[in-house]
Amino acid sequence: MYQDSSRERGYKGSISIISSNGRIQLRFHYAGKRHYLSTGWLDTPASRKQAKLKAAEIEKDILYEQLDETLAKYKPASSLSTVTPVTPIQKPKPQLDELWDKYSEFKKPQVSPSTYAKDFSKHRNHIAKLPTRSLDEASAIRDHLLSNLTPDAAKRCLTQLKACCNWAMKEGLIDTNPFAAMKIKVPKGTSEEQDINPFSKEERNLIIRTFASDRHYRHYTNYVRFLFFTGCRPSEAVGLKWKYVTNSVIQFRETVVVSENGLVLKEGLKTQIKRDFPINLEVQAILDEMKSEEDSFESLVFTSPKGKFIDHHNFANRAWKSIIGKCNIPYRKSYQTRHTFISLCVEAHINSTAIGRLTGTSAKMIDNHYGATNFTNLRPPELS
């Protein structure tokens, strides 16, 4: 008799003949699953010959894609009534939150600290609030995202879940991506860069005066003036150091971004590596008011009341909302300071290429989106 550990390969090496408790079993993989067929035969040389014939029969059906996955067709008559069918072994599917954690660790070295801190943590929070994390209930996950997030946020989260599961498939953690065919349609909207609704000169000046007279938020007056009169992005103003302020130009070289450790400086700007902004009289007046003898080259030009980075998100939700409310003008986001500067430049007939160089955007963007945006100052020409 053969020992329990003895094995022979079936034809083509696809089926193993093994001994289990003195009885012969056939073992093979098909369609990503492992199958066992217990023959009930004692492990003898004669039984091994029969097992080889049975293996050949199974291999033939696999070749012609006619395999009976219940295995009933291949069981010897003597074993059909006495041997309990063996269920193919299946690995338990990992949960979505487990996959996301592994995917996040894989992506962490490949993305910026701000992207990891903001986007990956945000989607992790969405996953934590799901009613189920089972990949078998992917439709329920999609429906929950649509019911609890904006269409745009739901689409972005679903896109990340697809990417996560595609990665998991390549890593052999799952067999299929249940989100692969799912789509979320988002109504046409505008990004912050394209949501253009600028303030008029009068509204701009009122906002600045109201900041200057407010006992809680007057500290931010020059920060707001700087945003209005340079059109820079808030992240560029918050990251500006005195070493980048020369006699003739402001050198935008760094931005402040959100990371796992809070706000940090990052080299480069949103759409370019660097940008120079010529200093005019209005901007010079702001810088003169900000400069003190205690400032070093490494000092920030604009700081919070405690001397740290300005958290523009908190500024916008508190100071900006409060001041706009006091001004009694229609609410618009603080990013409209940038749009106001660009729109006023357009009204002053400054070349769009020049405006683009001042603000770090394209001439095409300016021509397409800033033409006659401020209708309060627009008058039709005299045609008679």
Protein backbone atom coordinates (compact mmCIF):
# COMPACT_ATOMS: atom_id res chain seq x y z
CA MET A 1 0.00 0.00 0.00
CA TYR A 2 1.10 3.55 -0.72
CA GLN A 3 1.89 5.86 2.20
CA ASP A 4 -0.56 8.70 2.98
CA SER A 5 1.96 11.26 1.80
CA SER A 6 2.46 9.70 -1.62
CA ARG A 7 1.09 11.65 -4.61
CA GLU A 8 1.06 11.35 -8.34
CA ARG A 9 0.25 14.00 -10.87
CA GLY A 10 -2.62 13.46 -13.31
CA TYR A 11 -2.24 13.90 -17.03
CA LYS A 12 -0.81 17.27 -18.06
CA GLY A 13 0.07 17.86 -14.43
CA SER A 14 -3.30 19.52 -13.69
CA ILE A 15 -4.80 16.93 -11.31
CA SER A 16 -3.11 15.51 -8.23
CA ILE A 17 -3.80 12.02 -6.93
CA ILE A 18 -3.36 12.10 -3.17
CA SER A 19 -3.83 9.72 -0.26
CA SER A 20 -6.06 10.90 2.60
CA ASN A 21 -6.63 8.59 5.55
CA GLY A 22 -5.73 5.61 3.39
CA ARG A 23 -8.23 6.56 0.66
CA ILE A 24 -7.59 8.10 -2.74
CA GLN A 25 -8.62 11.66 -3.52
CA LEU A 26 -8.31 13.72 -6.69
CA ARG A 27 -7.43 17.39 -6.23
CA PHE A 28 -7.45 20.12 -8.88
CA HIS A 29 -8.10 23.83 -9.52
CA TYR A 30 -10.77 25.09 -11.86
CA ALA A 31 -12.11 28.61 -12.40
CA GLY A 32 -10.05 29.90 -9.51
CA LYS A 33 -11.42 27.33 -7.03
CA ARG A 34 -9.88 24.26 -5.47
CA HIS A 35 -11.87 21.01 -5.86
CA TYR A 36 -11.54 17.66 -4.07
CA LEU A 37 -13.06 14.40 -5.30
CA SER A 38 -13.12 11.56 -2.79
CA THR A 39 -13.22 8.21 -4.60
CA GLY A 40 -13.70 6.01 -1.57
CA TRP A 41 -11.08 3.62 -2.96
CA LEU A 42 -8.38 2.17 -0.75
CA ASP A 43 -4.95 3.43 -1.72
CA THR A 44 -3.68 0.42 -3.73
CA PRO A 45 -1.78 0.14 -7.03
CA ALA A 46 -4.96 -1.02 -8.76
CA SER A 47 -6.93 1.93 -7.35
CA ARG A 48 -4.21 4.28 -8.50
CA LYS A 49 -4.66 3.04 -12.08
CA GLN A 50 -8.40 3.69 -11.83
CA ALA A 51 -7.69 7.14 -10.37
CA LYS A 52 -5.51 7.99 -13.36
CA LEU A 53 -8.36 7.09 -15.72
CA LYS A 54 -10.77 9.23 -13.69
CA ALA A 55 -8.27 12.13 -13.76
CA ALA A 56 -8.03 11.82 -17.53
CA GLU A 57 -11.83 12.01 -17.81
CA ILE A 58 -11.94 15.19 -15.73
CA GLU A 59 -9.09 16.79 -17.67
CA LYS A 60 -10.88 16.08 -20.92
CA ASP A 61 -14.04 17.81 -19.67
CA ILE A 62 -11.98 20.78 -18.47
CA LEU A 63 -10.34 21.03 -21.88
CA TYR A 64 -13.71 21.11 -23.63
CA GLU A 65 -15.25 23.35 -20.93
CA GLN A 66 -17.77 20.66 -20.01
CA LEU A 67 -16.78 20.12 -16.40
CA ASP A 68 -19.56 19.11 -14.02
CA GLU A 69 -18.66 21.38 -11.11
CA THR A 70 -20.87 19.34 -8.74
CA LEU A 71 -18.40 16.45 -9.42
CA ALA A 72 -21.33 13.97 -9.28
CA LYS A 73 -20.50 12.79 -12.80
CA TYR A 74 -17.03 11.63 -11.75
CA LYS A 75 -17.79 9.89 -8.48
CA PRO A 76 -17.44 6.09 -8.56
CA ALA A 77 -20.79 4.34 -8.13
CA SER A 78 -19.64 2.85 -4.86
CA SER A 79 -18.96 6.26 -3.38
CA LEU A 80 -22.07 8.15 -4.44
CA SER A 81 -24.21 6.85 -1.60
CA THR A 82 -21.53 6.62 1.05
CA VAL A 83 -19.25 9.63 0.59
CA THR A 84 -20.40 13.14 1.52
CA PRO A 85 -19.80 15.59 -1.35
CA VAL A 86 -16.85 17.88 -0.69
CA THR A 87 -17.53 21.60 -1.08
CA PRO A 88 -14.78 23.48 -2.90
CA ILE A 89 -12.63 25.48 -0.52
CA GLN A 90 -13.19 29.22 -0.84
CA LYS A 91 -11.16 31.92 0.81
CA PRO A 92 -13.29 34.42 2.75
CA LYS A 93 -13.53 37.71 0.89
CA PRO A 94 -11.82 40.65 2.59
CA GLN A 95 -13.99 43.56 3.70
CA LEU A 96 -13.84 46.91 1.91
CA ASP A 97 -12.29 48.72 4.89
CA GLU A 98 -9.48 46.12 5.05
CA LEU A 99 -8.73 46.60 1.36
CA TRP A 100 -8.80 50.39 1.70
CA ASP A 101 -6.28 50.33 4.55
CA LYS A 102 -3.88 48.17 2.51
CA TYR A 103 -4.42 50.26 -0.62
CA SER A 104 -3.79 53.48 1.33
CA GLU A 105 -0.49 52.19 2.65
CA PHE A 106 0.50 51.19 -0.89
CA LYS A 107 -0.35 54.65 -2.27
CA LYS A 108 1.05 56.71 0.60
CA PRO A 109 4.62 57.02 -0.77
CA GLN A 110 3.26 57.89 -4.23
CA VAL A 111 1.05 60.89 -3.40
CA SER A 112 1.65 64.26 -1.76
CA PRO A 113 1.16 64.58 2.02
CA SER A 114 -1.82 66.89 1.46
CA THR A 115 -3.54 64.45 -0.91
CA TYR A 116 -3.03 61.58 1.51
CA ALA A 117 -4.22 63.54 4.52
CA LYS A 118 -7.27 65.06 2.82
CA ASP A 119 -8.49 62.57 0.24
CA PHE A 120 -7.51 59.19 1.65
CA SER A 121 -8.69 60.07 5.16
CA LYS A 122 -11.91 61.50 3.77
CA HIS A 123 -12.73 58.33 1.84
CA ARG A 124 -11.78 56.23 4.88
CA ASN A 125 -14.39 58.17 6.86
CA HIS A 126 -16.98 57.55 4.14
CA ILE A 127 -16.24 53.81 4.30
CA ALA A 128 -16.56 53.82 8.10
CA LYS A 129 -20.12 55.17 7.77
CA LEU A 130 -21.29 52.57 5.24
CA PRO A 131 -24.14 50.26 6.30
CA THR A 132 -22.08 47.34 4.94
CA ARG A 133 -18.49 46.78 3.90
CA SER A 134 -19.10 43.49 2.13
CA LEU A 135 -18.03 43.42 -1.52
CA ASP A 136 -21.07 41.23 -2.19
CA GLU A 137 -23.24 44.27 -1.43
CA ALA A 138 -21.52 46.77 -3.72
CA SER A 139 -24.85 48.12 -5.00
CA ALA A 140 -25.92 48.97 -1.44
CA ILE A 141 -22.60 50.78 -0.95
CA ARG A 142 -23.11 52.85 -4.10
CA ASP A 143 -26.69 53.70 -3.12
CA HIS A 144 -25.55 54.82 0.33
CA LEU A 145 -22.95 57.14 -1.19
CA LEU A 146 -25.59 58.70 -3.44
CA SER A 147 -28.01 59.14 -0.55
CA ASN A 148 -25.55 60.69 1.87
CA LEU A 149 -23.08 62.65 -0.28
CA THR A 150 -23.34 65.22 -3.03
CA PRO A 151 -23.29 63.67 -6.52
CA ASP A 152 -19.76 64.96 -7.09
CA ALA A 153 -18.47 63.61 -3.75
CA ALA A 154 -20.22 60.27 -4.34
CA LYS A 155 -18.65 59.99 -7.78
CA ARG A 156 -15.17 60.76 -6.46
CA CYS A 157 -15.54 58.22 -3.65
CA LEU A 158 -16.81 55.52 -6.02
CA THR A 159 -13.89 56.22 -8.37
CA GLN A 160 -11.48 55.63 -5.50
CA LEU A 161 -13.25 52.40 -4.49
CA LYS A 162 -12.88 51.18 -8.08
CA ALA A 163 -9.17 52.00 -8.02
CA CYS A 164 -8.77 50.24 -4.68
CA CYS A 165 -10.45 47.05 -5.92
CA ASN A 166 -8.50 47.10 -9.21
CA TRP A 167 -5.32 47.18 -7.13
CA ALA A 168 -6.63 44.38 -4.90
CA MET A 169 -7.30 42.21 -7.99
CA LYS A 170 -3.73 42.71 -9.22
CA GLU A 171 -2.47 41.78 -5.76
CA GLY A 172 -4.56 38.60 -5.77
CA LEU A 173 -6.65 39.71 -2.79
CA ILE A 174 -9.97 39.46 -4.66
CA ASP A 175 -11.10 37.80 -7.88
CA THR A 176 -13.37 40.50 -9.32
CA ASN A 177 -14.04 44.22 -8.90
CA PRO A 178 -17.74 44.62 -7.93
CA PHE A 179 -17.62 48.37 -8.64
CA ALA A 180 -16.11 48.07 -12.13
CA ALA A 181 -19.30 48.67 -14.12
CA MET A 182 -20.86 51.21 -11.75
CA LYS A 183 -21.17 54.87 -12.74
CA ILE A 184 -22.50 58.00 -11.09
CA LYS A 185 -23.56 60.88 -13.31
CA VAL A 186 -22.87 64.33 -11.92
CA PRO A 187 -24.83 67.39 -13.08
CA LYS A 188 -22.62 69.89 -14.85
CA GLY A 189 -21.20 72.27 -12.31
CA THR A 190 -18.22 74.51 -11.78
CA SER A 191 -15.02 74.16 -9.83
CA GLU A 192 -13.77 76.84 -7.47
CA GLU A 193 -11.57 78.15 -10.26
CA GLN A 194 -14.58 78.41 -12.59
CA ASP A 195 -17.22 79.55 -10.09
CA ILE A 196 -16.75 83.16 -11.09
CA ASN A 197 -18.94 85.74 -9.37
CA PRO A 198 -16.62 88.66 -8.54
CA PHE A 199 -17.22 91.58 -6.23
CA SER A 200 -17.48 95.11 -7.55
CA LYS A 201 -14.88 97.70 -6.55
CA GLU A 202 -17.39 99.16 -4.10
CA GLU A 203 -18.06 95.76 -2.52
CA ARG A 204 -14.34 95.03 -2.35
CA ASN A 205 -13.62 98.31 -0.58
CA LEU A 206 -16.53 97.80 1.82
CA ILE A 207 -15.26 94.34 2.78
CA ILE A 208 -11.78 95.71 3.49
CA ARG A 209 -13.15 98.61 5.58
CA THR A 210 -15.37 96.25 7.56
CA PHE A 211 -12.45 93.96 8.35
CA ALA A 212 -10.39 96.97 9.47
CA SER A 213 -13.11 98.16 11.87
CA ASP A 214 -14.04 94.75 13.30
CA ARG A 215 -12.63 94.14 16.78
CA HIS A 216 -12.56 90.36 16.32
CA TYR A 217 -11.15 90.05 12.80
CA ARG A 218 -9.20 93.27 12.07
CA HIS A 219 -6.00 91.21 12.27
CA TYR A 220 -6.82 89.78 8.81
CA THR A 221 -7.33 93.15 7.07
CA ASN A 222 -4.03 93.21 5.17
CA TYR A 223 -4.33 89.51 4.32
CA VAL A 224 -7.68 90.24 2.65
CA ARG A 225 -6.29 93.35 0.93
CA PHE A 226 -3.40 91.29 -0.41
CA LEU A 227 -5.77 88.66 -1.83
CA PHE A 228 -7.88 91.34 -3.52
CA PHE A 229 -4.94 93.28 -4.99
CA THR A 230 -2.76 90.39 -6.18
CA GLY A 231 -5.36 87.79 -7.21
CA CYS A 232 -3.15 85.08 -5.71
CA ARG A 233 -4.56 81.86 -4.31
CA PRO A 234 -4.96 81.79 -0.51
CA SER A 235 -2.44 78.95 -0.21
CA GLU A 236 0.15 81.16 -1.93
CA ALA A 237 -0.46 84.14 0.36
CA VAL A 238 -0.40 81.98 3.50
CA GLY A 239 2.95 80.46 2.47
CA LEU A 240 4.66 83.74 1.51
CA LYS A 241 7.89 84.51 3.40
CA TRP A 242 9.74 87.84 3.53
CA LYS A 243 12.73 86.35 1.74
CA TYR A 244 10.55 86.15 -1.37
CA VAL A 245 9.65 89.85 -1.26
CA THR A 246 12.16 91.97 -3.22
CA ASN A 247 12.18 95.66 -4.09
CA SER A 248 10.34 95.07 -7.34
CA VAL A 249 8.53 91.70 -7.29
CA ILE A 250 6.87 89.16 -5.01
CA GLN A 251 8.27 85.71 -5.73
CA PHE A 252 5.61 83.06 -5.20
CA ARG A 253 7.57 79.85 -4.62
CA GLU A 254 5.76 77.85 -1.93
CA THR A 255 2.24 77.02 -0.84
CA VAL A 256 0.70 75.83 2.40
CA VAL A 257 -1.11 72.51 2.17
CA VAL A 258 -2.87 70.18 4.59
CA SER A 259 -0.87 67.12 5.66
CA GLU A 260 -1.20 64.37 8.28
CA ASN A 261 0.68 66.69 10.62
CA GLY A 262 -1.47 69.74 9.93
CA LEU A 263 -0.55 72.69 7.72
CA VAL A 264 2.89 72.46 6.08
CA LEU A 265 4.85 74.34 3.42
CA LYS A 266 5.29 72.69 0.04
CA GLU A 267 7.58 73.78 -2.76
CA GLY A 268 5.86 74.85 -5.96
CA LEU A 269 2.43 76.26 -6.76
CA LYS A 270 -0.82 74.68 -7.88
CA THR A 271 -0.27 74.92 -11.63
CA GLN A 272 3.36 76.01 -11.91
CA ILE A 273 6.70 75.83 -10.16
CA LYS A 274 7.03 79.57 -9.52
CA ARG A 275 5.56 82.95 -10.40
CA ASP A 276 6.68 86.57 -9.99
CA PHE A 277 4.23 89.36 -9.28
CA PRO A 278 5.39 92.97 -9.88
CA ILE A 279 4.85 95.20 -6.84
CA ASN A 280 2.69 98.27 -7.53
CA LEU A 281 1.82 101.10 -5.15
CA GLU A 282 -1.26 99.34 -3.73
CA VAL A 283 0.65 96.17 -2.91
CA GLN A 284 3.66 98.12 -1.61
CA ALA A 285 1.39 99.91 0.86
CA ILE A 286 0.19 96.55 2.20
CA LEU A 287 3.74 95.22 2.57
CA ASP A 288 4.92 98.41 4.31
CA GLU A 289 2.18 98.03 6.91
CA MET A 290 3.06 94.36 7.49
CA LYS A 291 6.86 94.65 7.77
CA SER A 292 8.40 94.97 11.23
CA GLU A 293 11.97 95.04 12.49
CA GLU A 294 11.49 91.67 14.16
CA ASP A 295 10.76 89.90 10.87
CA SER A 296 13.54 87.73 9.44
CA PHE A 297 13.89 86.43 5.92
CA GLU A 298 12.26 83.17 7.04
CA SER A 299 9.31 84.92 8.72
CA LEU A 300 5.86 84.58 7.19
CA VAL A 301 4.34 87.78 5.80
CA PHE A 302 0.82 86.84 6.96
CA THR A 303 0.18 84.86 10.14
CA SER A 304 -2.68 83.93 12.42
CA PRO A 305 -3.14 86.04 15.59
CA LYS A 306 -0.92 83.48 17.35
CA GLY A 307 1.87 83.85 14.79
CA LYS A 308 1.25 80.54 13.00
CA PHE A 309 0.01 79.60 9.52
CA ILE A 310 -3.38 81.09 8.68
CA ASP A 311 -5.81 78.20 8.38
CA HIS A 312 -7.73 79.63 5.43
CA HIS A 313 -10.50 77.05 5.81
CA ASN A 314 -11.23 78.24 9.34
CA PHE A 315 -10.76 81.86 8.26
CA ALA A 316 -13.36 81.43 5.50
CA ASN A 317 -15.89 79.72 7.77
CA ARG A 318 -15.57 82.23 10.59
CA ALA A 319 -14.03 85.62 9.78
CA TRP A 320 -15.08 85.80 6.13
CA LYS A 321 -18.69 84.73 6.71
CA SER A 322 -19.02 87.12 9.61
CA ILE A 323 -17.70 90.13 7.68
CA ILE A 324 -19.71 89.44 4.52
CA GLY A 325 -22.80 89.23 6.70
CA LYS A 326 -22.01 92.61 8.27
CA CYS A 327 -21.50 94.13 4.82
CA ASN A 328 -25.02 93.08 3.84
CA ILE A 329 -23.92 92.00 0.37
CA PRO A 330 -24.76 88.68 -1.36
CA TYR A 331 -22.52 85.96 0.07
CA ARG A 332 -19.69 84.71 -2.10
CA LYS A 333 -16.75 82.51 -1.15
CA SER A 334 -13.43 84.09 -0.21
CA TYR A 335 -11.91 82.65 -3.42
CA GLN A 336 -13.84 85.38 -5.23
CA THR A 337 -11.05 87.77 -4.18
CA ARG A 338 -8.99 86.15 -6.94
CA HIS A 339 -11.83 86.35 -9.45
CA THR A 340 -12.39 89.98 -8.52
CA PHE A 341 -8.77 90.90 -9.29
CA ILE A 342 -8.80 89.10 -12.64
CA SER A 343 -12.19 90.55 -13.64
CA LEU A 344 -11.09 94.09 -12.82
CA CYS A 345 -7.95 93.52 -14.91
CA VAL A 346 -10.15 92.39 -17.81
CA GLU A 347 -12.32 95.49 -17.42
CA ALA A 348 -9.15 97.60 -17.49
CA HIS A 349 -8.36 96.03 -20.90
CA ILE A 350 -5.16 94.34 -19.71
CA ASN A 351 -3.98 91.64 -22.12
CA SER A 352 -5.22 88.19 -21.06
CA THR A 353 -1.74 86.70 -21.45
CA ALA A 354 -0.37 89.30 -19.05
CA ILE A 355 -3.18 88.63 -16.56
CA GLY A 356 -2.42 84.92 -16.82
CA ARG A 357 1.23 85.52 -15.95
CA LEU A 358 0.25 87.64 -12.95
CA THR A 359 -2.16 85.09 -11.55
CA GLY A 360 -0.88 81.70 -12.72
CA THR A 361 -3.70 80.76 -15.05
CA SER A 362 -4.01 80.45 -18.82
CA ALA A 363 -5.03 83.17 -21.27
CA LYS A 364 -7.62 80.73 -22.65
CA MET A 365 -9.16 80.34 -19.19
CA ILE A 366 -9.39 84.10 -18.84
CA ASP A 367 -10.89 84.62 -22.30
CA ASN A 368 -13.44 81.83 -21.79
CA HIS A 369 -14.55 82.61 -18.26
CA TYR A 370 -13.83 86.22 -17.32
CA GLY A 371 -15.26 88.17 -20.21
CA ALA A 372 -17.82 90.62 -18.85
CA THR A 373 -18.36 88.67 -15.63
CA ASN A 374 -19.14 91.73 -13.53
CA PHE A 375 -22.39 92.95 -15.06
CA THR A 376 -22.85 95.70 -12.48
CA ASN A 377 -20.04 97.62 -14.19
CA LEU A 378 -20.91 96.66 -17.75
CA ARG A 379 -22.62 99.12 -20.06
CA PRO A 380 -23.61 98.43 -23.68
CA PRO A 381 -21.84 100.56 -26.30
CA GLU A 382 -23.51 103.50 -28.02
CA LEU A 383 -24.43 102.09 -31.43
CA SER A 384 -26.12 105.12 -33.04
